Amino acid sequence: QVQLVESGGGLVQPGGSLRLSCAASGIIFSAYTMGWYRQAPGKQRELVAQITRSNNTNYAASVEGRFTISRDNTKNTVYLQMNSLKPEDTAVYYCNGRRIHSSHWGQGTQVTVSS
């Protein structure tokens, strides 16, 4: 049974930081491209950042330079370090693991940036 479990969301003031974690089980984690997506109310889900199995990364233009994605294959965990948070970063953040013919999602974690 595949499980992706996100943690680390919460309420933070503008300019603050949060680190999201996504722990995976039931998959060969090192073989998967891992990504973080987000969905704000009334908007479509969008890719925030992803990291391939060879540690190549790419980011949405809106978070480039503020967010950093990383992975620890020994812990089957992917992280998203979010700095200089803005109110427009408020959304539910979802973890995704994918490889050819396979895609899995976590349940999401709420991130709210507000003073």
PDB file of N, CA and C in Angstrom:
ATOM      1  N   GLN A   1       0.844  -1.190   0.000  1.00  0.00           N
ATOM      2  CA  GLN A   1       0.000   0.000   0.000  1.00  0.00           C
ATOM      3  C   GLN A   1       0.886   1.250   0.000  1.00  0.00           C
ATOM      4  N   VAL A   2       0.651   2.117  -0.993  1.00  0.00           N
ATOM      5  CA  VAL A   2       1.443   3.327  -1.108  1.00  0.00           C
ATOM      6  C   VAL A   2       0.874   4.406  -0.195  1.00  0.00           C
ATOM      7  N   GLN A   3       1.760   5.063   0.539  1.00  0.00           N
ATOM      8  CA  GLN A   3       1.352   6.202   1.363  1.00  0.00           C
ATOM      9  C   GLN A   3       2.358   7.326   1.225  1.00  0.00           C
ATOM     10  N   LEU A   4       1.838   8.522   1.031  1.00  0.00           N
ATOM     11  CA  LEU A   4       2.642   9.742   1.097  1.00  0.00           C
ATOM     12  C   LEU A   4       2.007  10.606   2.174  1.00  0.00           C
ATOM     13  N   VAL A   5       2.779  10.918   3.206  1.00  0.00           N
ATOM     14  CA  VAL A   5       2.235  11.639   4.351  1.00  0.00           C
ATOM     15  C   VAL A   5       2.988  12.943   4.529  1.00  0.00           C
ATOM     16  N   GLU A   6       2.260  14.052   4.309  1.00  0.00           N
ATOM     17  CA  GLU A   6       2.865  15.373   4.455  1.00  0.00           C
ATOM     18  C   GLU A   6       2.757  15.853   5.897  1.00  0.00           C
ATOM     19  N   SER A   7       3.692  16.696   6.273  1.00  0.00           N
ATOM     20  CA  SER A   7       3.652  17.348   7.578  1.00  0.00           C
ATOM     21  C   SER A   7       4.406  18.665   7.484  1.00  0.00           C
ATOM     22  N   GLY A   8       4.206  19.513   8.501  1.00  0.00           N
ATOM     23  CA  GLY A   8       4.966  20.753   8.582  1.00  0.00           C
ATOM     24  C   GLY A   8       4.203  22.009   8.204  1.00  0.00           C
ATOM     25  N   GLY A   9       2.967  21.862   7.768  1.00  0.00           N
ATOM     26  CA  GLY A   9       2.188  23.048   7.432  1.00  0.00           C
ATOM     27  C   GLY A   9       1.769  23.803   8.679  1.00  0.00           C
ATOM     28  N   GLY A  10       1.178  24.973   8.457  1.00  0.00           N
ATOM     29  CA  GLY A  10       0.712  25.764   9.585  1.00  0.00           C
ATOM     30  C   GLY A  10       0.510  27.207   9.201  1.00  0.00           C
ATOM     31  N   LEU A  11       0.373  28.026  10.231  1.00  0.00           N
ATOM     32  CA  LEU A  11       0.179  29.468  10.060  1.00  0.00           C
ATOM     33  C   LEU A  11       1.507  30.171  10.305  1.00  0.00           C
ATOM     34  N   VAL A  12       1.873  31.051   9.394  1.00  0.00           N
ATOM     35  CA  VAL A  12       3.131  31.788   9.510  1.00  0.00           C
ATOM     36  C   VAL A  12       2.911  33.210   9.020  1.00  0.00           C
ATOM     37  N   GLN A  13       3.651  34.135   9.595  1.00  0.00           N
ATOM     38  CA  GLN A  13       3.548  35.533   9.179  1.00  0.00           C
ATOM     39  C   GLN A  13       4.299  35.763   7.864  1.00  0.00           C
ATOM     40  N   PRO A  14       3.901  36.773   7.115  1.00  0.00           N
ATOM     41  CA  PRO A  14       4.657  37.113   5.898  1.00  0.00           C
ATOM     42  C   PRO A  14       6.126  37.335   6.210  1.00  0.00           C
ATOM     43  N   GLY A  15       6.973  36.794   5.334  1.00  0.00           N
ATOM     44  CA  GLY A  15       8.407  36.863   5.557  1.00  0.00           C
ATOM     45  C   GLY A  15       8.968  35.696   6.344  1.00  0.00           C
ATOM     46  N   GLY A  16       8.095  34.881   6.895  1.00  0.00           N
ATOM     47  CA  GLY A  16       8.533  33.742   7.692  1.00  0.00           C
ATOM     48  C   GLY A  16       8.902  32.534   6.861  1.00  0.00           C
ATOM     49  N   SER A  17       9.214  31.439   7.571  1.00  0.00           N
ATOM     50  CA  SER A  17       9.663  30.213   6.919  1.00  0.00           C
ATOM     51  C   SER A  17       8.911  29.012   7.469  1.00  0.00           C
ATOM     52  N   LEU A  18       8.791  28.005   6.629  1.00  0.00           N
ATOM     53  CA  LEU A  18       8.262  26.707   7.020  1.00  0.00           C
ATOM     54  C   LEU A  18       9.030  25.640   6.248  1.00  0.00           C
ATOM     55  N   ARG A  19       9.107  24.440   6.843  1.00  0.00           N
ATOM     56  CA  ARG A  19       9.649  23.317   6.111  1.00  0.00           C
ATOM     57  C   ARG A  19       8.614  22.202   6.078  1.00  0.00           C
ATOM     58  N   LEU A  20       8.233  21.821   4.886  1.00  0.00           N
ATOM     59  CA  LEU A  20       7.311  20.710   4.702  1.00  0.00           C
ATOM     60  C   LEU A  20       8.098  19.424   4.506  1.00  0.00           C
ATOM     61  N   SER A  21       7.528  18.343   5.012  1.00  0.00           N
ATOM     62  CA  SER A  21       8.111  17.014   4.817  1.00  0.00           C
ATOM     63  C   SER A  21       7.060  16.095   4.230  1.00  0.00           C
ATOM     64  N   CYS A  22       7.508  15.144   3.453  1.00  0.00           N
ATOM     65  CA  CYS A  22       6.622  14.117   2.891  1.00  0.00           C
ATOM     66  C   CYS A  22       7.330  12.782   3.018  1.00  0.00           C
ATOM     67  N   ALA A  23       6.783  11.934   3.871  1.00  0.00           N
ATOM     68  CA  ALA A  23       7.351  10.606   4.082  1.00  0.00           C
ATOM     69  C   ALA A  23       6.611   9.595   3.230  1.00  0.00           C
ATOM     70  N   ALA A  24       7.360   8.827   2.457  1.00  0.00           N
ATOM     71  CA  ALA A  24       6.768   7.858   1.536  1.00  0.00           C
ATOM     72  C   ALA A  24       6.983   6.437   2.024  1.00  0.00           C
ATOM     73  N   SER A  25       5.998   5.592   1.756  1.00  0.00           N
ATOM     74  CA  SER A  25       6.127   4.165   2.035  1.00  0.00           C
ATOM     75  C   SER A  25       5.395   3.400   0.944  1.00  0.00           C
ATOM     76  N   GLY A  26       5.820   2.165   0.739  1.00  0.00           N
ATOM     77  CA  GLY A  26       5.160   1.329  -0.266  1.00  0.00           C
ATOM     78  C   GLY A  26       5.644   1.542  -1.680  1.00  0.00           C
ATOM     79  N   ILE A  27       6.678   2.367  -1.861  1.00  0.00           N
ATOM     80  CA  ILE A  27       7.256   2.587  -3.179  1.00  0.00           C
ATOM     81  C   ILE A  27       8.783   2.489  -3.080  1.00  0.00           C
ATOM     82  N   ILE A  28       9.417   2.276  -4.223  1.00  0.00           N
ATOM     83  CA  ILE A  28      10.882   2.354  -4.287  1.00  0.00           C
ATOM     84  C   ILE A  28      11.207   3.826  -4.447  1.00  0.00           C
ATOM     85  N   PHE A  29      11.332   4.508  -3.327  1.00  0.00           N
ATOM     86  CA  PHE A  29      11.386   5.972  -3.295  1.00  0.00           C
ATOM     87  C   PHE A  29      12.452   6.525  -4.235  1.00  0.00           C
ATOM     88  N   SER A  30      13.615   5.907  -4.244  1.00  0.00           N
ATOM     89  CA  SER A  30      14.733   6.451  -5.027  1.00  0.00           C
ATOM     90  C   SER A  30      14.456   6.421  -6.529  1.00  0.00           C
ATOM     91  N   ALA A  31      13.476   5.663  -6.966  1.00  0.00           N
ATOM     92  CA  ALA A  31      13.170   5.550  -8.389  1.00  0.00           C
ATOM     93  C   ALA A  31      12.155   6.586  -8.858  1.00  0.00           C
ATOM     94  N   TYR A  32      11.629   7.353  -7.916  1.00  0.00           N
ATOM     95  CA  TYR A  32      10.539   8.275  -8.225  1.00  0.00           C
ATOM     96  C   TYR A  32      11.011   9.717  -8.338  1.00  0.00           C
ATOM     97  N   THR A  33      10.413  10.446  -9.271  1.00  0.00           N
ATOM     98  CA  THR A  33      10.476  11.895  -9.253  1.00  0.00           C
ATOM     99  C   THR A  33       9.464  12.375  -8.230  1.00  0.00           C
ATOM    100  N   MET A  34       9.924  13.214  -7.318  1.00  0.00           N
ATOM    101  CA  MET A  34       9.059  13.717  -6.257  1.00  0.00           C
ATOM    102  C   MET A  34       8.760  15.195  -6.480  1.00  0.00           C
ATOM    103  N   GLY A  35       7.546  15.581  -6.186  1.00  0.00           N
ATOM    104  CA  GLY A  35       7.163  16.958  -6.405  1.00  0.00           C
ATOM    105  C   GLY A  35       6.259  17.496  -5.320  1.00  0.00           C
ATOM    106  N   TRP A  36       6.238  18.792  -5.214  1.00  0.00           N
ATOM    107  CA  TRP A  36       5.301  19.509  -4.354  1.00  0.00           C
ATOM    108  C   TRP A  36       4.397  20.342  -5.254  1.00  0.00           C
ATOM    109  N   TYR A  37       3.107  20.216  -5.016  1.00  0.00           N
ATOM    110  CA  TYR A  37       2.095  20.986  -5.714  1.00  0.00           C
ATOM    111  C   TYR A  37       1.308  21.773  -4.675  1.00  0.00           C
ATOM    112  N   ARG A  38       0.588  22.766  -5.133  1.00  0.00           N
ATOM    113  CA  ARG A  38      -0.283  23.490  -4.229  1.00  0.00           C
ATOM    114  C   ARG A  38      -1.573  23.882  -4.923  1.00  0.00           C
ATOM    115  N   GLN A  39      -2.599  24.047  -4.099  1.00  0.00           N
ATOM    116  CA  GLN A  39      -3.898  24.462  -4.628  1.00  0.00           C
ATOM    117  C   GLN A  39      -4.512  25.468  -3.683  1.00  0.00           C
ATOM    118  N   ALA A  40      -4.709  26.672  -4.182  1.00  0.00           N
ATOM    119  CA  ALA A  40      -5.366  27.726  -3.414  1.00  0.00           C
ATOM    120  C   ALA A  40      -6.868  27.677  -3.714  1.00  0.00           C
ATOM    121  N   PRO A  41      -7.682  28.218  -2.821  1.00  0.00           N
ATOM    122  CA  PRO A  41      -9.138  28.202  -3.044  1.00  0.00           C
ATOM    123  C   PRO A  41      -9.506  28.833  -4.377  1.00  0.00           C
ATOM    124  N   GLY A  42     -10.313  28.130  -5.158  1.00  0.00           N
ATOM    125  CA  GLY A  42     -10.772  28.648  -6.438  1.00  0.00           C
ATOM    126  C   GLY A  42      -9.765  28.585  -7.560  1.00  0.00           C
ATOM    127  N   LYS A  43      -8.612  27.960  -7.298  1.00  0.00           N
ATOM    128  CA  LYS A  43      -7.572  27.880  -8.328  1.00  0.00           C
ATOM    129  C   LYS A  43      -7.228  26.436  -8.619  1.00  0.00           C
ATOM    130  N   GLN A  44      -6.576  26.225  -9.755  1.00  0.00           N
ATOM    131  CA  GLN A  44      -6.152  24.885 -10.120  1.00  0.00           C
ATOM    132  C   GLN A  44      -4.888  24.506  -9.348  1.00  0.00           C
ATOM    133  N   ARG A  45      -4.709  23.219  -9.188  1.00  0.00           N
ATOM    134  CA  ARG A  45      -3.484  22.737  -8.564  1.00  0.00           C
ATOM    135  C   ARG A  45      -2.311  23.040  -9.494  1.00  0.00           C
ATOM    136  N   GLU A  46      -1.209  23.516  -8.896  1.00  0.00           N
ATOM    137  CA  GLU A  46      -0.050  23.885  -9.692  1.00  0.00           C
ATOM    138  C   GLU A  46       1.217  23.268  -9.121  1.00  0.00           C
ATOM    139  N   LEU A  47       2.158  23.012 -10.011  1.00  0.00           N
ATOM    140  CA  LEU A  47       3.450  22.496  -9.591  1.00  0.00           C
ATOM    141  C   LEU A  47       4.250  23.604  -8.928  1.00  0.00           C
ATOM    142  N   VAL A  48       4.800  23.316  -7.763  1.00  0.00           N
ATOM    143  CA  VAL A  48       5.655  24.258  -7.043  1.00  0.00           C
ATOM    144  C   VAL A  48       7.118  23.926  -7.298  1.00  0.00           C
ATOM    145  N   ALA A  49       7.475  22.670  -7.108  1.00  0.00           N
ATOM    146  CA  ALA A  49       8.867  22.252  -7.270  1.00  0.00           C
ATOM    147  C   ALA A  49       8.899  20.742  -7.448  1.00  0.00           C
ATOM    148  N   GLN A  50       9.916  20.269  -8.156  1.00  0.00           N
ATOM    149  CA  GLN A  50      10.100  18.835  -8.261  1.00  0.00           C
ATOM    150  C   GLN A  50      11.576  18.500  -8.285  1.00  0.00           C
ATOM    151  N   ILE A  51      11.860  17.257  -7.897  1.00  0.00           N
ATOM    152  CA  ILE A  51      13.236  16.778  -7.864  1.00  0.00           C
ATOM    153  C   ILE A  51      13.232  15.370  -8.445  1.00  0.00           C
ATOM    154  N   THR A  52      14.129  15.156  -9.404  1.00  0.00           N
ATOM    155  CA  THR A  52      14.181  13.851 -10.055  1.00  0.00           C
ATOM    156  C   THR A  52      14.996  12.870  -9.221  1.00  0.00           C
ATOM    157  N   ARG A  53      15.037  11.646  -9.685  1.00  0.00           N
ATOM    158  CA  ARG A  53      15.793  10.630  -8.953  1.00  0.00           C
ATOM    159  C   ARG A  53      17.295  10.895  -9.022  1.00  0.00           C
ATOM    160  N   SER A  54      17.721  11.734  -9.979  1.00  0.00           N
ATOM    161  CA  SER A  54      19.134  12.127 -10.051  1.00  0.00           C
ATOM    162  C   SER A  54      19.367  13.504  -9.460  1.00  0.00           C
ATOM    163  N   ASN A  55      18.375  13.987  -8.688  1.00  0.00           N
ATOM    164  CA  ASN A  55      18.481  15.247  -7.953  1.00  0.00           C
ATOM    165  C   ASN A  55      18.473  16.502  -8.815  1.00  0.00           C
ATOM    166  N   ASN A  56      17.972  16.408 -10.027  1.00  0.00           N
ATOM    167  CA  ASN A  56      17.721  17.608 -10.799  1.00  0.00           C
ATOM    168  C   ASN A  56      16.437  18.243 -10.283  1.00  0.00           C
ATOM    169  N   THR A  57      16.466  19.572 -10.170  1.00  0.00           N
ATOM    170  CA  THR A  57      15.323  20.272  -9.609  1.00  0.00           C
ATOM    171  C   THR A  57      14.784  21.317 -10.589  1.00  0.00           C
ATOM    172  N   ASN A  58      13.499  21.610 -10.439  1.00  0.00           N
ATOM    173  CA  ASN A  58      12.937  22.758 -11.131  1.00  0.00           C
ATOM    174  C   ASN A  58      11.825  23.345 -10.271  1.00  0.00           C
ATOM    175  N   TYR A  59      11.597  24.636 -10.470  1.00  0.00           N
ATOM    176  CA  TYR A  59      10.693  25.408  -9.616  1.00  0.00           C
ATOM    177  C   TYR A  59       9.745  26.254 -10.458  1.00  0.00           C
ATOM    178  N   ALA A  60       8.583  26.510  -9.882  1.00  0.00           N
ATOM    179  CA  ALA A  60       7.703  27.507 -10.459  1.00  0.00           C
ATOM    180  C   ALA A  60       8.375  28.868 -10.349  1.00  0.00           C
ATOM    181  N   ALA A  61       8.145  29.726 -11.326  1.00  0.00           N
ATOM    182  CA  ALA A  61       8.772  31.043 -11.332  1.00  0.00           C
ATOM    183  C   ALA A  61       8.420  31.832 -10.070  1.00  0.00           C
ATOM    184  N   SER A  62       7.223  31.615  -9.552  1.00  0.00           N
ATOM    185  CA  SER A  62       6.751  32.382  -8.396  1.00  0.00           C
ATOM    186  C   SER A  62       7.483  32.040  -7.103  1.00  0.00           C
ATOM    187  N   VAL A  63       8.176  30.898  -7.057  1.00  0.00           N
ATOM    188  CA  VAL A  63       8.860  30.501  -5.828  1.00  0.00           C
ATOM    189  C   VAL A  63      10.366  30.401  -6.002  1.00  0.00           C
ATOM    190  N   GLU A  64      10.846  30.568  -7.239  1.00  0.00           N
ATOM    191  CA  GLU A  64      12.284  30.466  -7.519  1.00  0.00           C
ATOM    192  C   GLU A  64      13.062  31.421  -6.613  1.00  0.00           C
ATOM    193  N   GLY A  65      14.091  30.882  -5.965  1.00  0.00           N
ATOM    194  CA  GLY A  65      14.917  31.692  -5.075  1.00  0.00           C
ATOM    195  C   GLY A  65      14.407  31.775  -3.646  1.00  0.00           C
ATOM    196  N   ARG A  66      13.178  31.338  -3.399  1.00  0.00           N
ATOM    197  CA  ARG A  66      12.620  31.367  -2.043  1.00  0.00           C
ATOM    198  C   ARG A  66      12.410  29.964  -1.489  1.00  0.00           C
ATOM    199  N   PHE A  67      12.081  29.025  -2.346  1.00  0.00           N
ATOM    200  CA  PHE A  67      11.798  27.643  -1.937  1.00  0.00           C
ATOM    201  C   PHE A  67      12.929  26.732  -2.407  1.00  0.00           C
ATOM    202  N   THR A  68      13.178  25.692  -1.617  1.00  0.00           N
ATOM    203  CA  THR A  68      14.177  24.694  -1.978  1.00  0.00           C
ATOM    204  C   THR A  68      13.617  23.304  -1.732  1.00  0.00           C
ATOM    205  N   ILE A  69      13.655  22.472  -2.754  1.00  0.00           N
ATOM    206  CA  ILE A  69      13.224  21.089  -2.617  1.00  0.00           C
ATOM    207  C   ILE A  69      14.457  20.210  -2.466  1.00  0.00           C
ATOM    208  N   SER A  70      14.338  19.197  -1.609  1.00  0.00           N
ATOM    209  CA  SER A  70      15.441  18.256  -1.413  1.00  0.00           C
ATOM    210  C   SER A  70      14.846  16.898  -1.064  1.00  0.00           C
ATOM    211  N   ARG A  71      15.694  15.879  -1.141  1.00  0.00           N
ATOM    212  CA  ARG A  71      15.219  14.531  -0.814  1.00  0.00           C
ATOM    213  C   ARG A  71      16.287  13.789  -0.039  1.00  0.00           C
ATOM    214  N   ASP A  72      15.841  12.873   0.796  1.00  0.00           N
ATOM    215  CA  ASP A  72      16.727  11.987   1.541  1.00  0.00           C
ATOM    216  C   ASP A  72      16.259  10.565   1.263  1.00  0.00           C
ATOM    217  N   ASN A  73      16.959   9.891   0.374  1.00  0.00           N
ATOM    218  CA  ASN A  73      16.535   8.541  -0.016  1.00  0.00           C
ATOM    219  C   ASN A  73      16.720   7.524   1.112  1.00  0.00           C
ATOM    220  N   THR A  74      17.553   7.836   2.090  1.00  0.00           N
ATOM    221  CA  THR A  74      17.713   6.919   3.229  1.00  0.00           C
ATOM    222  C   THR A  74      16.512   6.986   4.158  1.00  0.00           C
ATOM    223  N   LYS A  75      15.770   8.094   4.088  1.00  0.00           N
ATOM    224  CA  LYS A  75      14.588   8.255   4.944  1.00  0.00           C
ATOM    225  C   LYS A  75      13.287   8.224   4.141  1.00  0.00           C
ATOM    226  N   ASN A  76      13.389   8.004   2.825  1.00  0.00           N
ATOM    227  CA  ASN A  76      12.207   8.003   1.956  1.00  0.00           C
ATOM    228  C   ASN A  76      11.380   9.271   2.137  1.00  0.00           C
ATOM    229  N   THR A  77      12.070  10.401   2.209  1.00  0.00           N
ATOM    230  CA  THR A  77      11.408  11.660   2.525  1.00  0.00           C
ATOM    231  C   THR A  77      11.859  12.761   1.563  1.00  0.00           C
ATOM    232  N   VAL A  78      10.892  13.579   1.162  1.00  0.00           N
ATOM    233  CA  VAL A  78      11.179  14.768   0.372  1.00  0.00           C
ATOM    234  C   VAL A  78      10.766  15.987   1.183  1.00  0.00           C
ATOM    235  N   TYR A  79      11.532  17.049   1.045  1.00  0.00           N
ATOM    236  CA  TYR A  79      11.323  18.263   1.837  1.00  0.00           C
ATOM    237  C   TYR A  79      11.074  19.457   0.916  1.00  0.00           C
ATOM    238  N   LEU A  80      10.390  20.437   1.474  1.00  0.00           N
ATOM    239  CA  LEU A  80      10.257  21.721   0.798  1.00  0.00           C
ATOM    240  C   LEU A  80      10.529  22.805   1.839  1.00  0.00           C
ATOM    241  N   GLN A  81      11.675  23.439   1.718  1.00  0.00           N
ATOM    242  CA  GLN A  81      12.013  24.566   2.580  1.00  0.00           C
ATOM    243  C   GLN A  81      11.461  25.829   1.943  1.00  0.00           C
ATOM    244  N   MET A  82      10.608  26.520   2.674  1.00  0.00           N
ATOM    245  CA  MET A  82       9.940  27.708   2.153  1.00  0.00           C
ATOM    246  C   MET A  82      10.361  28.915   2.979  1.00  0.00           C
ATOM    247  N   ASN A  83      11.028  29.853   2.344  1.00  0.00           N
ATOM    248  CA  ASN A  83      11.481  31.074   3.000  1.00  0.00           C
ATOM    249  C   ASN A  83      10.801  32.285   2.377  1.00  0.00           C
ATOM    250  N   SER A  84      10.861  33.388   3.083  1.00  0.00           N
ATOM    251  CA  SER A  84      10.282  34.647   2.586  1.00  0.00           C
ATOM    252  C   SER A  84       8.851  34.443   2.105  1.00  0.00           C
ATOM    253  N   LEU A  85       8.073  33.799   2.935  1.00  0.00           N
ATOM    254  CA  LEU A  85       6.716  33.458   2.535  1.00  0.00           C
ATOM    255  C   LEU A  85       5.850  34.694   2.359  1.00  0.00           C
ATOM    256  N   LYS A  86       4.946  34.592   1.393  1.00  0.00           N
ATOM    257  CA  LYS A  86       4.049  35.686   1.042  1.00  0.00           C
ATOM    258  C   LYS A  86       2.600  35.208   1.219  1.00  0.00           C
ATOM    259  N   PRO A  87       1.679  36.130   1.401  1.00  0.00           N
ATOM    260  CA  PRO A  87       0.271  35.723   1.517  1.00  0.00           C
ATOM    261  C   PRO A  87      -0.208  34.904   0.325  1.00  0.00           C
ATOM    262  N   GLU A  88       0.322  35.176  -0.842  1.00  0.00           N
ATOM    263  CA  GLU A  88      -0.093  34.428  -2.038  1.00  0.00           C
ATOM    264  C   GLU A  88       0.437  32.998  -2.063  1.00  0.00           C
ATOM    265  N   ASP A  89       1.282  32.643  -1.111  1.00  0.00           N
ATOM    266  CA  ASP A  89       1.719  31.253  -0.978  1.00  0.00           C
ATOM    267  C   ASP A  89       0.702  30.404  -0.200  1.00  0.00           C
ATOM    268  N   THR A  90      -0.316  31.047   0.330  1.00  0.00           N
ATOM    269  CA  THR A  90      -1.347  30.325   1.073  1.00  0.00           C
ATOM    270  C   THR A  90      -2.058  29.326   0.168  1.00  0.00           C
ATOM    271  N   ALA A  91      -2.065  28.059   0.606  1.00  0.00           N
ATOM    272  CA  ALA A  91      -2.660  26.989  -0.206  1.00  0.00           C
ATOM    273  C   ALA A  91      -2.558  25.686   0.575  1.00  0.00           C
ATOM    274  N   VAL A  92      -3.216  24.673   0.052  1.00  0.00           N
ATOM    275  CA  VAL A  92      -2.949  23.310   0.492  1.00  0.00           C
ATOM    276  C   VAL A  92      -1.815  22.772  -0.369  1.00  0.00           C
ATOM    277  N   TYR A  93      -0.794  22.250   0.302  1.00  0.00           N
ATOM    278  CA  TYR A  93       0.382  21.739  -0.394  1.00  0.00           C
ATOM    279  C   TYR A  93       0.325  20.213  -0.418  1.00  0.00           C
ATOM    280  N   TYR A  94       0.519  19.668  -1.610  1.00  0.00           N
ATOM    281  CA  TYR A  94       0.433  18.230  -1.814  1.00  0.00           C
ATOM    282  C   TYR A  94       1.772  17.675  -2.282  1.00  0.00           C
ATOM    283  N   CYS A  95       2.090  16.524  -1.778  1.00  0.00           N
ATOM    284  CA  CYS A  95       3.264  15.781  -2.210  1.00  0.00           C
ATOM    285  C   CYS A  95       2.843  14.810  -3.314  1.00  0.00           C
ATOM    286  N   ASN A  96       3.709  14.661  -4.298  1.00  0.00           N
ATOM    287  CA  ASN A  96       3.439  13.723  -5.399  1.00  0.00           C
ATOM    288  C   ASN A  96       4.686  12.922  -5.707  1.00  0.00           C
ATOM    289  N   GLY A  97       4.486  11.639  -5.933  1.00  0.00           N
ATOM    290  CA  GLY A  97       5.568  10.784  -6.397  1.00  0.00           C
ATOM    291  C   GLY A  97       5.149  10.156  -7.714  1.00  0.00           C
ATOM    292  N   ARG A  98       6.014  10.254  -8.713  1.00  0.00           N
ATOM    293  CA  ARG A  98       5.635   9.699 -10.011  1.00  0.00           C
ATOM    294  C   ARG A  98       6.814   9.050 -10.712  1.00  0.00           C
ATOM    295  N   ARG A  99       6.463   8.065 -11.474  1.00  0.00           N
ATOM    296  CA  ARG A  99       7.374   7.472 -12.429  1.00  0.00           C
ATOM    297  C   ARG A  99       6.513   6.957 -13.556  1.00  0.00           C
ATOM    298  N   ILE A 100       7.107   6.367 -14.568  1.00  0.00           N
ATOM    299  CA  ILE A 100       6.331   5.943 -15.724  1.00  0.00           C
ATOM    300  C   ILE A 100       5.199   5.011 -15.266  1.00  0.00           C
ATOM    301  N   HIS A 101       3.998   5.302 -15.720  1.00  0.00           N
ATOM    302  CA  HIS A 101       2.790   4.513 -15.433  1.00  0.00           C
ATOM    303  C   HIS A 101       2.357   4.558 -13.971  1.00  0.00           C
ATOM    304  N   SER A 102       2.869   5.497 -13.171  1.00  0.00           N
ATOM    305  CA  SER A 102       2.539   5.493 -11.755  1.00  0.00           C
ATOM    306  C   SER A 102       2.601   6.896 -11.184  1.00  0.00           C
ATOM    307  N   SER A 103       1.582   7.275 -10.428  1.00  0.00           N
ATOM    308  CA  SER A 103       1.566   8.582  -9.764  1.00  0.00           C
ATOM    309  C   SER A 103       0.780   8.447  -8.468  1.00  0.00           C
ATOM    310  N   HIS A 104       1.345   9.011  -7.396  1.00  0.00           N
ATOM    311  CA  HIS A 104       0.712   8.909  -6.083  1.00  0.00           C
ATOM    312  C   HIS A 104       0.695  10.273  -5.419  1.00  0.00           C
ATOM    313  N   TRP A 105      -0.378  10.510  -4.644  1.00  0.00           N
ATOM    314  CA  TRP A 105      -0.562  11.793  -3.972  1.00  0.00           C
ATOM    315  C   TRP A 105      -0.717  11.616  -2.466  1.00  0.00           C
ATOM    316  N   GLY A 106      -0.245  12.621  -1.742  1.00  0.00           N
ATOM    317  CA  GLY A 106      -0.533  12.691  -0.321  1.00  0.00           C
ATOM    318  C   GLY A 106      -1.868  13.386  -0.096  1.00  0.00           C
ATOM    319  N   GLN A 107      -2.213  13.505   1.181  1.00  0.00           N
ATOM    320  CA  GLN A 107      -3.517  14.067   1.534  1.00  0.00           C
ATOM    321  C   GLN A 107      -3.493  15.589   1.607  1.00  0.00           C
ATOM    322  N   GLY A 108      -2.311  16.178   1.630  1.00  0.00           N
ATOM    323  CA  GLY A 108      -2.175  17.626   1.656  1.00  0.00           C
ATOM    324  C   GLY A 108      -1.971  18.182   3.052  1.00  0.00           C
ATOM    325  N   THR A 109      -1.308  19.321   3.105  1.00  0.00           N
ATOM    326  CA  THR A 109      -1.102  20.038   4.365  1.00  0.00           C
ATOM    327  C   THR A 109      -1.329  21.523   4.099  1.00  0.00           C
ATOM    328  N   GLN A 110      -2.060  22.159   4.999  1.00  0.00           N
ATOM    329  CA  GLN A 110      -2.432  23.568   4.805  1.00  0.00           C
ATOM    330  C   GLN A 110      -1.279  24.481   5.212  1.00  0.00           C
ATOM    331  N   VAL A 111      -0.984  25.435   4.351  1.00  0.00           N
ATOM    332  CA  VAL A 111      -0.037  26.500   4.654  1.00  0.00           C
ATOM    333  C   VAL A 111      -0.793  27.822   4.538  1.00  0.00           C
ATOM    334  N   THR A 112      -0.789  28.578   5.618  1.00  0.00           N
ATOM    335  CA  THR A 112      -1.455  29.873   5.630  1.00  0.00           C
ATOM    336  C   THR A 112      -0.453  30.948   6.001  1.00  0.00           C
ATOM    337  N   VAL A 113      -0.317  31.943   5.137  1.00  0.00           N
ATOM    338  CA  VAL A 113       0.612  33.056   5.379  1.00  0.00           C
ATOM    339  C   VAL A 113      -0.228  34.305   5.616  1.00  0.00           C
ATOM    340  N   SER A 114      -0.212  34.753   6.846  1.00  0.00           N
ATOM    341  CA  SER A 114      -1.071  35.869   7.223  1.00  0.00           C
ATOM    342  C   SER A 114      -0.536  36.544   8.469  1.00  0.00           C
ATOM    343  N   SER A 115      -0.745  37.847   8.553  1.00  0.00           N
ATOM    344  CA  SER A 115      -0.375  38.583   9.760  1.00  0.00           C
ATOM    345  C   SER A 115      -1.560  38.685  10.708  1.00  0.00           C
TER     346      SER A 115
END
